[in-house]
PDB file of N, CA and C in Angstrom:
ATOM      1  N   MET A   1       0.923  -1.197  -0.027  1.00  0.00           N
ATOM      2  CA  MET A   1       0.137   0.158  -0.094  1.00  0.00           C
ATOM      3  C   MET A   1       0.909   1.326  -0.200  1.00  0.00           C
ATOM      4  N   ALA A   2       0.488   2.260  -1.064  1.00  0.00           N
ATOM      5  CA  ALA A   2       1.256   3.511  -1.127  1.00  0.00           C
ATOM      6  C   ALA A   2       0.928   4.434   0.223  1.00  0.00           C
ATOM      7  N   GLN A   3       2.103   5.058   0.718  1.00  0.00           N
ATOM      8  CA  GLN A   3       1.774   5.866   1.831  1.00  0.00           C
ATOM      9  C   GLN A   3       1.650   7.298   1.303  1.00  0.00           C
ATOM     10  N   ASP A   4       0.822   8.198   2.071  1.00  0.00           N
ATOM     11  CA  ASP A   4       0.485   9.447   1.863  1.00  0.00           C
ATOM     12  C   ASP A   4       1.469  10.372   2.644  1.00  0.00           C
ATOM     13  N   PHE A   5       2.522  10.927   2.193  1.00  0.00           N
ATOM     14  CA  PHE A   5       3.487  11.727   2.861  1.00  0.00           C
ATOM     15  C   PHE A   5       3.062  13.089   2.570  1.00  0.00           C
ATOM     16  N   ARG A   6       2.838  13.971   3.851  1.00  0.00           N
ATOM     17  CA  ARG A   6       2.590  15.314   3.693  1.00  0.00           C
ATOM     18  C   ARG A   6       3.604  16.364   4.321  1.00  0.00           C
ATOM     19  N   ARG A   7       3.615  17.450   4.173  1.00  0.00           N
ATOM     20  CA  ARG A   7       4.390  18.439   4.998  1.00  0.00           C
ATOM     21  C   ARG A   7       3.655  19.379   5.394  1.00  0.00           C
ATOM     22  N   HIS A   8       3.884  20.074   6.587  1.00  0.00           N
ATOM     23  CA  HIS A   8       3.284  21.369   7.137  1.00  0.00           C
ATOM     24  C   HIS A   8       4.429  22.283   7.576  1.00  0.00           C
ATOM     25  N   THR A   9       3.918  23.420   7.499  1.00  0.00           N
ATOM     26  CA  THR A   9       4.958  24.471   7.917  1.00  0.00           C
ATOM     27  C   THR A   9       4.320  25.717   8.857  1.00  0.00           C
ATOM     28  N   ALA A  10       5.071  26.095   9.470  1.00  0.00           N
ATOM     29  CA  ALA A  10       4.754  27.186  10.255  1.00  0.00           C
ATOM     30  C   ALA A  10       5.817  28.403  10.658  1.00  0.00           C
ATOM     31  N   ALA A  11       5.494  29.765  10.508  1.00  0.00           N
ATOM     32  CA  ALA A  11       6.176  30.852  10.860  1.00  0.00           C
ATOM     33  C   ALA A  11       5.410  32.017  11.829  1.00  0.00           C
ATOM     34  N   PRO A  12       5.389  31.471  12.974  1.00  0.00           N
ATOM     35  CA  PRO A  12       4.638  32.408  13.831  1.00  0.00           C
ATOM     36  C   PRO A  12       5.028  33.566  13.807  1.00  0.00           C
ATOM     37  N   SER A  13       4.139  34.677  13.782  1.00  0.00           N
ATOM     38  CA  SER A  13       4.394  36.034  13.463  1.00  0.00           C
ATOM     39  C   SER A  13       4.238  36.814  14.897  1.00  0.00           C
ATOM     40  N   SER A  14       3.727  36.323  15.698  1.00  0.00           N
ATOM     41  CA  SER A  14       3.519  36.833  17.222  1.00  0.00           C
ATOM     42  C   SER A  14       4.381  36.039  17.997  1.00  0.00           C
ATOM     43  N   ALA A  15       5.013  36.923  18.869  1.00  0.00           N
ATOM     44  CA  ALA A  15       6.088  36.115  20.243  1.00  0.00           C
ATOM     45  C   ALA A  15       5.006  35.541  21.120  1.00  0.00           C
ATOM     46  N   ASN A  16       5.536  34.550  21.759  1.00  0.00           N
ATOM     47  CA  ASN A  16       4.714  33.807  22.936  1.00  0.00           C
ATOM     48  C   ASN A  16       3.259  33.712  22.699  1.00  0.00           C
ATOM     49  N   SER A  17       2.838  33.315  21.390  1.00  0.00           N
ATOM     50  CA  SER A  17       1.399  32.750  21.312  1.00  0.00           C
ATOM     51  C   SER A  17       1.435  31.676  20.327  1.00  0.00           C
ATOM     52  N   THR A  18       0.318  30.830  20.799  1.00  0.00           N
ATOM     53  CA  THR A  18       0.521  29.338  20.224  1.00  0.00           C
ATOM     54  C   THR A  18      -0.155  29.271  18.611  1.00  0.00           C
ATOM     55  N   THR A  19       0.597  28.752  17.879  1.00  0.00           N
ATOM     56  CA  THR A  19       0.161  28.460  16.655  1.00  0.00           C
ATOM     57  C   THR A  19      -0.059  27.027  16.436  1.00  0.00           C
ATOM     58  N   SER A  20      -1.174  26.606  15.827  1.00  0.00           N
ATOM     59  CA  SER A  20      -1.539  25.228  15.653  1.00  0.00           C
ATOM     60  C   SER A  20      -1.083  25.015  14.369  1.00  0.00           C
ATOM     61  N   VAL A  21      -0.258  23.737  13.910  1.00  0.00           N
ATOM     62  CA  VAL A  21       0.467  23.603  12.943  1.00  0.00           C
ATOM     63  C   VAL A  21      -0.162  22.429  12.061  1.00  0.00           C
ATOM     64  N   TYR A  22      -0.782  21.461  12.924  1.00  0.00           N
ATOM     65  CA  TYR A  22      -1.635  20.668  12.119  1.00  0.00           C
ATOM     66  C   TYR A  22      -2.588  19.610  13.136  1.00  0.00           C
ATOM     67  N   THR A  23      -3.718  19.473  12.631  1.00  0.00           N
ATOM     68  CA  THR A  23      -4.585  18.550  13.626  1.00  0.00           C
ATOM     69  C   THR A  23      -4.523  17.150  12.679  1.00  0.00           C
ATOM     70  N   ALA A  24      -4.553  16.127  13.401  1.00  0.00           N
ATOM     71  CA  ALA A  24      -4.468  14.821  12.932  1.00  0.00           C
ATOM     72  C   ALA A  24      -5.978  14.341  12.413  1.00  0.00           C
ATOM     73  N   ASP A  25      -6.147  14.100  11.247  1.00  0.00           N
ATOM     74  CA  ASP A  25      -7.302  13.671  10.824  1.00  0.00           C
ATOM     75  C   ASP A  25      -7.741  12.008  10.729  1.00  0.00           C
ATOM     76  N   SER A  26      -6.547  11.267  11.174  1.00  0.00           N
ATOM     77  CA  SER A  26      -6.772   9.945  11.075  1.00  0.00           C
ATOM     78  C   SER A  26      -5.525   9.557  12.001  1.00  0.00           C
ATOM     79  N   ASN A  27      -5.111   8.367  11.876  1.00  0.00           N
ATOM     80  CA  ASN A  27      -3.900   7.971  12.594  1.00  0.00           C
ATOM     81  C   ASN A  27      -2.789   8.439  11.696  1.00  0.00           C
ATOM     82  N   ASP A  28      -1.976   9.220  12.191  1.00  0.00           N
ATOM     83  CA  ASP A  28      -0.817   9.738  11.364  1.00  0.00           C
ATOM     84  C   ASP A  28       0.554   9.659  11.912  1.00  0.00           C
ATOM     85  N   CYS A  29       1.669   9.873  11.462  1.00  0.00           N
ATOM     86  CA  CYS A  29       2.869   9.634  12.091  1.00  0.00           C
ATOM     87  C   CYS A  29       3.977  10.808  11.671  1.00  0.00           C
ATOM     88  N   ILE A  30       4.365  11.625  12.348  1.00  0.00           N
ATOM     89  CA  ILE A  30       5.389  12.531  12.379  1.00  0.00           C
ATOM     90  C   ILE A  30       6.768  11.807  12.153  1.00  0.00           C
ATOM     91  N   VAL A  31       7.535  12.024  10.807  1.00  0.00           N
ATOM     92  CA  VAL A  31       8.576  11.502  10.653  1.00  0.00           C
ATOM     93  C   VAL A  31       9.768  12.523  10.565  1.00  0.00           C
ATOM     94  N   GLY A  32       9.587  13.770  10.483  1.00  0.00           N
ATOM     95  CA  GLY A  32      10.537  14.521  10.830  1.00  0.00           C
ATOM     96  C   GLY A  32      10.003  16.239  11.008  1.00  0.00           C
ATOM     97  N   LEU A  33      10.682  16.431  12.204  1.00  0.00           N
ATOM     98  CA  LEU A  33      10.406  18.037  12.563  1.00  0.00           C
ATOM     99  C   LEU A  33      11.682  19.103  12.605  1.00  0.00           C
ATOM    100  N   HIS A  34      11.785  19.900  11.940  1.00  0.00           N
ATOM    101  CA  HIS A  34      12.767  20.891  11.775  1.00  0.00           C
ATOM    102  C   HIS A  34      12.358  22.211  12.202  1.00  0.00           C
ATOM    103  N   CYS A  35      13.423  23.091  13.194  1.00  0.00           N
ATOM    104  CA  CYS A  35      13.083  24.141  13.801  1.00  0.00           C
ATOM    105  C   CYS A  35      14.218  25.159  12.949  1.00  0.00           C
ATOM    106  N   ALA A  36      13.952  26.220  12.408  1.00  0.00           N
ATOM    107  CA  ALA A  36      14.989  27.142  11.980  1.00  0.00           C
ATOM    108  C   ALA A  36      15.059  28.436  12.740  1.00  0.00           C
ATOM    109  N   ASN A  37      16.013  28.960  13.152  1.00  0.00           N
ATOM    110  CA  ASN A  37      15.980  30.276  13.420  1.00  0.00           C
ATOM    111  C   ASN A  37      16.119  31.302  12.464  1.00  0.00           C
ATOM    112  N   VAL A  38      15.402  32.197  12.137  1.00  0.00           N
ATOM    113  CA  VAL A  38      15.478  33.049  10.985  1.00  0.00           C
ATOM    114  C   VAL A  38      15.653  34.356  11.703  1.00  0.00           C
ATOM    115  N   ALA A  39      15.838  34.416  12.708  1.00  0.00           N
ATOM    116  CA  ALA A  39      16.024  35.823  13.534  1.00  0.00           C
ATOM    117  C   ALA A  39      17.599  36.450  13.530  1.00  0.00           C
ATOM    118  N   THR A  40      17.565  37.681  14.146  1.00  0.00           N
ATOM    119  CA  THR A  40      18.902  38.131  14.280  1.00  0.00           C
ATOM    120  C   THR A  40      19.311  37.984  15.765  1.00  0.00           C
ATOM    121  N   THR A  41      18.839  37.230  16.500  1.00  0.00           N
ATOM    122  CA  THR A  41      18.968  37.157  17.665  1.00  0.00           C
ATOM    123  C   THR A  41      18.567  35.483  18.254  1.00  0.00           C
ATOM    124  N   GLN A  42      19.157  34.945  19.434  1.00  0.00           N
ATOM    125  CA  GLN A  42      18.805  33.732  19.599  1.00  0.00           C
ATOM    126  C   GLN A  42      17.118  33.760  20.214  1.00  0.00           C
ATOM    127  N   ILE A  43      16.506  32.629  19.636  1.00  0.00           N
ATOM    128  CA  ILE A  43      15.150  32.281  20.083  1.00  0.00           C
ATOM    129  C   ILE A  43      15.292  31.007  20.946  1.00  0.00           C
ATOM    130  N   THR A  44      13.680  30.984  21.569  1.00  0.00           N
ATOM    131  CA  THR A  44      13.286  29.927  22.361  1.00  0.00           C
ATOM    132  C   THR A  44      12.109  29.485  21.715  1.00  0.00           C
ATOM    133  N   VAL A  45      12.045  28.088  21.635  1.00  0.00           N
ATOM    134  CA  VAL A  45      11.012  27.499  21.160  1.00  0.00           C
ATOM    135  C   VAL A  45      10.403  26.241  21.874  1.00  0.00           C
ATOM    136  N   GLY A  46       9.196  26.241  21.635  1.00  0.00           N
ATOM    137  CA  GLY A  46       8.463  24.954  22.310  1.00  0.00           C
ATOM    138  C   GLY A  46       7.559  24.089  21.251  1.00  0.00           C
ATOM    139  N   VAL A  47       7.492  23.033  21.150  1.00  0.00           N
ATOM    140  CA  VAL A  47       6.939  21.970  20.228  1.00  0.00           C
ATOM    141  C   VAL A  47       6.050  20.920  21.082  1.00  0.00           C
ATOM    142  N   TRP A  48       4.501  20.823  20.972  1.00  0.00           N
ATOM    143  CA  TRP A  48       4.166  19.906  21.760  1.00  0.00           C
ATOM    144  C   TRP A  48       3.020  19.380  20.789  1.00  0.00           C
ATOM    145  N   VAL A  49       2.230  18.391  21.518  1.00  0.00           N
ATOM    146  CA  VAL A  49       0.983  17.716  21.039  1.00  0.00           C
ATOM    147  C   VAL A  49       0.130  17.961  21.934  1.00  0.00           C
ATOM    148  N   ARG A  50      -1.272  18.505  21.653  1.00  0.00           N
ATOM    149  CA  ARG A  50      -2.450  18.591  22.580  1.00  0.00           C
ATOM    150  C   ARG A  50      -3.323  17.253  22.165  1.00  0.00           C
ATOM    151  N   LEU A  51      -3.483  16.463  23.093  1.00  0.00           N
ATOM    152  CA  LEU A  51      -4.051  15.142  23.111  1.00  0.00           C
ATOM    153  C   LEU A  51      -5.622  15.158  22.744  1.00  0.00           C
ATOM    154  N   THR A  52      -5.975  14.682  21.981  1.00  0.00           N
ATOM    155  CA  THR A  52      -7.580  14.558  21.522  1.00  0.00           C
ATOM    156  C   THR A  52      -8.354  14.672  22.699  1.00  0.00           C
ATOM    157  N   GLY A  53      -9.405  15.674  22.694  1.00  0.00           N
ATOM    158  CA  GLY A  53     -10.213  15.537  23.622  1.00  0.00           C
ATOM    159  C   GLY A  53      -9.917  16.095  25.007  1.00  0.00           C
ATOM    160  N   THR A  54      -8.622  16.470  25.205  1.00  0.00           N
ATOM    161  CA  THR A  54      -8.005  16.875  26.605  1.00  0.00           C
ATOM    162  C   THR A  54      -7.547  18.171  26.624  1.00  0.00           C
ATOM    163  N   THR A  55      -6.945  18.615  27.747  1.00  0.00           N
ATOM    164  CA  THR A  55      -6.044  19.988  27.831  1.00  0.00           C
ATOM    165  C   THR A  55      -4.720  19.289  28.123  1.00  0.00           C
ATOM    166  N   ASN A  56      -4.641  18.097  27.948  1.00  0.00           N
ATOM    167  CA  ASN A  56      -3.141  17.469  28.088  1.00  0.00           C
ATOM    168  C   ASN A  56      -2.066  17.815  26.975  1.00  0.00           C
ATOM    169  N   ASP A  57      -1.026  18.476  27.302  1.00  0.00           N
ATOM    170  CA  ASP A  57       0.038  18.705  26.406  1.00  0.00           C
ATOM    171  C   ASP A  57       1.245  17.547  26.675  1.00  0.00           C
ATOM    172  N   ILE A  58       1.683  17.168  25.408  1.00  0.00           N
ATOM    173  CA  ILE A  58       2.927  16.369  25.577  1.00  0.00           C
ATOM    174  C   ILE A  58       4.096  17.174  24.977  1.00  0.00           C
ATOM    175  N   TYR A  59       4.929  17.725  25.222  1.00  0.00           N
ATOM    176  CA  TYR A  59       6.040  18.451  24.761  1.00  0.00           C
ATOM    177  C   TYR A  59       7.089  17.337  23.960  1.00  0.00           C
ATOM    178  N   LEU A  60       7.436  17.918  22.802  1.00  0.00           N
ATOM    179  CA  LEU A  60       8.486  17.309  21.905  1.00  0.00           C
ATOM    180  C   LEU A  60       9.596  18.003  22.276  1.00  0.00           C
ATOM    181  N   ILE A  61       9.300  19.460  22.379  1.00  0.00           N
ATOM    182  CA  ILE A  61      10.626  20.523  22.546  1.00  0.00           C
ATOM    183  C   ILE A  61       9.848  21.555  23.449  1.00  0.00           C
ATOM    184  N   LYS A  62      10.806  21.743  24.620  1.00  0.00           N
ATOM    185  CA  LYS A  62      10.195  22.497  25.717  1.00  0.00           C
ATOM    186  C   LYS A  62      11.150  23.841  25.655  1.00  0.00           C
ATOM    187  N   ASP A  63      10.721  25.041  25.663  1.00  0.00           N
ATOM    188  CA  ASP A  63      11.898  26.070  26.069  1.00  0.00           C
ATOM    189  C   ASP A  63      13.446  26.000  25.539  1.00  0.00           C
ATOM    190  N   ALA A  64      13.283  25.508  24.238  1.00  0.00           N
ATOM    191  CA  ALA A  64      14.856  25.155  23.918  1.00  0.00           C
ATOM    192  C   ALA A  64      15.380  26.325  23.313  1.00  0.00           C
ATOM    193  N   PRO A  65      16.392  26.575  23.517  1.00  0.00           N
ATOM    194  CA  PRO A  65      17.061  27.768  22.776  1.00  0.00           C
ATOM    195  C   PRO A  65      17.761  27.463  21.441  1.00  0.00           C
ATOM    196  N   ILE A  66      17.566  28.194  20.504  1.00  0.00           N
ATOM    197  CA  ILE A  66      18.265  28.172  19.066  1.00  0.00           C
ATOM    198  C   ILE A  66      19.076  29.341  18.730  1.00  0.00           C
ATOM    199  N   PRO A  67      20.377  29.217  18.794  1.00  0.00           N
ATOM    200  CA  PRO A  67      21.467  30.339  18.477  1.00  0.00           C
ATOM    201  C   PRO A  67      20.936  30.762  17.047  1.00  0.00           C
ATOM    202  N   VAL A  68      21.623  32.145  16.766  1.00  0.00           N
ATOM    203  CA  VAL A  68      21.509  32.674  15.580  1.00  0.00           C
ATOM    204  C   VAL A  68      22.144  31.690  14.409  1.00  0.00           C
ATOM    205  N   GLY A  69      21.543  31.777  13.352  1.00  0.00           N
ATOM    206  CA  GLY A  69      21.998  30.796  12.204  1.00  0.00           C
ATOM    207  C   GLY A  69      21.780  29.341  12.510  1.00  0.00           C
ATOM    208  N   SER A  70      21.259  28.988  13.732  1.00  0.00           N
ATOM    209  CA  SER A  70      21.299  27.462  13.634  1.00  0.00           C
ATOM    210  C   SER A  70      19.655  27.019  13.605  1.00  0.00           C
ATOM    211  N   SER A  71      19.763  25.674  13.692  1.00  0.00           N
ATOM    212  CA  SER A  71      18.409  24.893  13.698  1.00  0.00           C
ATOM    213  C   SER A  71      18.343  23.725  14.689  1.00  0.00           C
ATOM    214  N   LEU A  72      17.140  23.266  14.829  1.00  0.00           N
ATOM    215  CA  LEU A  72      16.987  22.314  15.877  1.00  0.00           C
ATOM    216  C   LEU A  72      16.102  21.295  15.324  1.00  0.00           C
ATOM    217  N   SER A  73      16.527  20.036  15.207  1.00  0.00           N
ATOM    218  CA  SER A  73      15.609  18.668  14.539  1.00  0.00           C
ATOM    219  C   SER A  73      15.375  17.651  15.567  1.00  0.00           C
ATOM    220  N   ILE A  74      14.028  17.134  15.673  1.00  0.00           N
ATOM    221  CA  ILE A  74      13.745  16.013  16.295  1.00  0.00           C
ATOM    222  C   ILE A  74      13.875  14.871  15.705  1.00  0.00           C
ATOM    223  N   ASP A  75      14.767  13.800  16.421  1.00  0.00           N
ATOM    224  CA  ASP A  75      14.650  12.516  15.781  1.00  0.00           C
ATOM    225  C   ASP A  75      13.562  11.744  16.242  1.00  0.00           C
ATOM    226  N   GLY A  76      13.381  10.407  15.527  1.00  0.00           N
ATOM    227  CA  GLY A  76      12.253   9.679  16.089  1.00  0.00           C
ATOM    228  C   GLY A  76      11.222   9.835  15.598  1.00  0.00           C
ATOM    229  N   LYS A  77      10.126   9.044  15.623  1.00  0.00           N
ATOM    230  CA  LYS A  77       8.876   9.145  14.903  1.00  0.00           C
ATOM    231  C   LYS A  77       7.706   9.282  16.094  1.00  0.00           C
ATOM    232  N   PHE A  78       6.680  10.045  15.650  1.00  0.00           N
ATOM    233  CA  PHE A  78       5.823  10.237  16.899  1.00  0.00           C
ATOM    234  C   PHE A  78       4.486  10.060  16.143  1.00  0.00           C
ATOM    235  N   ASN A  79       3.774   9.064  17.016  1.00  0.00           N
ATOM    236  CA  ASN A  79       2.462   8.643  16.269  1.00  0.00           C
ATOM    237  C   ASN A  79       1.475   9.873  16.984  1.00  0.00           C
ATOM    238  N   LEU A  80       0.196  10.026  15.882  1.00  0.00           N
ATOM    239  CA  LEU A  80      -0.735  10.977  16.328  1.00  0.00           C
ATOM    240  C   LEU A  80      -2.055  10.196  16.255  1.00  0.00           C
ATOM    241  N   ALA A  81      -2.791  10.412  17.089  1.00  0.00           N
ATOM    242  CA  ALA A  81      -4.376   9.959  17.030  1.00  0.00           C
ATOM    243  C   ALA A  81      -5.172  11.001  16.294  1.00  0.00           C
ATOM    244  N   SER A  82      -6.404  10.577  15.805  1.00  0.00           N
ATOM    245  CA  SER A  82      -7.345  11.579  14.880  1.00  0.00           C
ATOM    246  C   SER A  82      -7.555  12.631  15.995  1.00  0.00           C
ATOM    247  N   GLY A  83      -7.518  13.979  15.707  1.00  0.00           N
ATOM    248  CA  GLY A  83      -7.960  14.942  16.514  1.00  0.00           C
ATOM    249  C   GLY A  83      -6.623  15.156  17.337  1.00  0.00           C
ATOM    250  N   ASP A  84      -5.506  14.875  17.550  1.00  0.00           N
ATOM    251  CA  ASP A  84      -4.445  15.499  18.261  1.00  0.00           C
ATOM    252  C   ASP A  84      -3.773  16.491  17.150  1.00  0.00           C
ATOM    253  N   ILE A  85      -3.568  17.671  18.316  1.00  0.00           N
ATOM    254  CA  ILE A  85      -2.979  19.203  17.530  1.00  0.00           C
ATOM    255  C   ILE A  85      -1.353  19.253  17.950  1.00  0.00           C
ATOM    256  N   LEU A  86      -0.764  19.475  16.594  1.00  0.00           N
ATOM    257  CA  LEU A  86       0.553  19.746  16.775  1.00  0.00           C
ATOM    258  C   LEU A  86       0.527  21.365  16.860  1.00  0.00           C
ATOM    259  N   ARG A  87       1.253  21.798  17.952  1.00  0.00           N
ATOM    260  CA  ARG A  87       1.319  23.080  18.354  1.00  0.00           C
ATOM    261  C   ARG A  87       3.010  23.816  18.251  1.00  0.00           C
ATOM    262  N   VAL A  88       3.120  24.982  18.057  1.00  0.00           N
ATOM    263  CA  VAL A  88       4.393  25.526  18.328  1.00  0.00           C
ATOM    264  C   VAL A  88       4.159  26.856  18.851  1.00  0.00           C
ATOM    265  N   THR A  89       5.283  27.440  19.763  1.00  0.00           N
ATOM    266  CA  THR A  89       5.482  28.858  20.030  1.00  0.00           C
ATOM    267  C   THR A  89       6.816  29.022  20.339  1.00  0.00           C
ATOM    268  N   THR A  90       7.117  30.419  20.153  1.00  0.00           N
ATOM    269  CA  THR A  90       8.412  30.858  20.158  1.00  0.00           C
ATOM    270  C   THR A  90       8.413  32.357  20.726  1.00  0.00           C
ATOM    271  N   ASP A  91       9.533  32.676  21.455  1.00  0.00           N
ATOM    272  CA  ASP A  91       9.421  34.072  22.222  1.00  0.00           C
ATOM    273  C   ASP A  91       9.699  34.995  21.315  1.00  0.00           C
ATOM    274  N   THR A  92      10.160  34.869  20.118  1.00  0.00           N
ATOM    275  CA  THR A  92      10.558  35.949  19.033  1.00  0.00           C
ATOM    276  C   THR A  92       9.551  36.033  17.873  1.00  0.00           C
ATOM    277  N   ALA A  93       8.556  37.069  17.656  1.00  0.00           N
ATOM    278  CA  ALA A  93       7.818  37.288  16.371  1.00  0.00           C
ATOM    279  C   ALA A  93       8.737  37.148  15.043  1.00  0.00           C
ATOM    280  N   ASN A  94       8.216  36.302  13.901  1.00  0.00           N
ATOM    281  CA  ASN A  94       8.831  36.105  13.033  1.00  0.00           C
ATOM    282  C   ASN A  94      10.476  35.575  13.012  1.00  0.00           C
ATOM    283  N   GLY A  95      10.603  34.860  14.083  1.00  0.00           N
ATOM    284  CA  GLY A  95      11.998  34.485  14.134  1.00  0.00           C
ATOM    285  C   GLY A  95      12.138  32.775  13.992  1.00  0.00           C
ATOM    286  N   LEU A  96      10.773  32.371  13.600  1.00  0.00           N
ATOM    287  CA  LEU A  96      11.271  30.656  13.475  1.00  0.00           C
ATOM    288  C   LEU A  96      10.336  30.182  12.364  1.00  0.00           C
ATOM    289  N   ASN A  97      11.173  29.390  11.432  1.00  0.00           N
ATOM    290  CA  ASN A  97      10.746  28.504  10.215  1.00  0.00           C
ATOM    291  C   ASN A  97      10.443  27.323  10.972  1.00  0.00           C
ATOM    292  N   LEU A  98       9.211  26.545  10.814  1.00  0.00           N
ATOM    293  CA  LEU A  98       8.960  25.333  11.476  1.00  0.00           C
ATOM    294  C   LEU A  98       8.732  24.070   9.981  1.00  0.00           C
ATOM    295  N   PHE A  99       9.201  23.071   9.792  1.00  0.00           N
ATOM    296  CA  PHE A  99       8.781  22.236   8.808  1.00  0.00           C
ATOM    297  C   PHE A  99       8.755  20.950   9.504  1.00  0.00           C
ATOM    298  N   VAL A 100       7.446  20.342   9.211  1.00  0.00           N
ATOM    299  CA  VAL A 100       6.987  19.109   9.506  1.00  0.00           C
ATOM    300  C   VAL A 100       6.634  18.177   8.440  1.00  0.00           C
ATOM    301  N   SER A 101       7.420  16.636   8.540  1.00  0.00           N
ATOM    302  CA  SER A 101       7.058  16.009   7.369  1.00  0.00           C
ATOM    303  C   SER A 101       6.219  14.845   8.160  1.00  0.00           C
ATOM    304  N   LEU A 102       5.216  14.076   7.736  1.00  0.00           N
ATOM    305  CA  LEU A 102       4.444  13.262   8.308  1.00  0.00           C
ATOM    306  C   LEU A 102       3.857  12.344   7.182  1.00  0.00           C
ATOM    307  N   VAL A 103       3.357  11.130   7.767  1.00  0.00           N
ATOM    308  CA  VAL A 103       2.672  10.072   6.689  1.00  0.00           C
ATOM    309  C   VAL A 103       1.262  10.366   7.402  1.00  0.00           C
ATOM    310  N   ASP A 104       0.213  10.659   6.213  1.00  0.00           N
ATOM    311  CA  ASP A 104      -1.252  10.655   6.675  1.00  0.00           C
ATOM    312  C   ASP A 104      -1.802   9.173   6.591  1.00  0.00           C
ATOM    313  N   GLU A 105      -2.524   8.976   7.408  1.00  0.00           N
ATOM    314  CA  GLU A 105      -3.493   7.819   7.298  1.00  0.00           C
ATOM    315  C   GLU A 105      -2.599   6.592   7.525  1.00  0.00           C
ATOM    316  N   ILE A 106      -1.928   6.316   8.583  1.00  0.00           N
ATOM    317  CA  ILE A 106      -1.367   5.002   8.576  1.00  0.00           C
ATOM    318  C   ILE A 106      -2.276   4.170   9.047  1.00  0.00           C
ATOM    319  N   SER A 107      -1.876   2.770   9.033  1.00  0.00           N
ATOM    320  CA  SER A 107      -2.885   1.727   9.548  1.00  0.00           C
ATOM    321  C   SER A 107      -3.293   1.765  10.935  1.00  0.00           C
ATOM    322  N   ALA A 108      -4.451   1.570  11.517  1.00  0.00           N
ATOM    323  CA  ALA A 108      -4.942   1.872  12.710  1.00  0.00           C
ATOM    324  C   ALA A 108      -4.580   0.233  13.428  1.00  0.00           C
TER     325      ALA A 108
END
């Protein structure tokens, strides 16, 4: 069976606010996540999943500093259930480019 690979991006324009990057519509799997600092100063980043139907947040990155001209990638694969929401925040407006690769609709 062919896999349905997708990409999602975010570039938060406000500091310290939450940006929803992706809401799973089936059983999905994040296979890559890359955060790049595009600001002229160090930024701090948080990336997490809000679990379906709850207020429970599971952090993949929490308050991670990214120096000027640097990036941060997350290794591993992260399964999402339908309704889980991938979210991001940064302390610097227009300072982050986030790129997420995932497989949509994996077998349940």
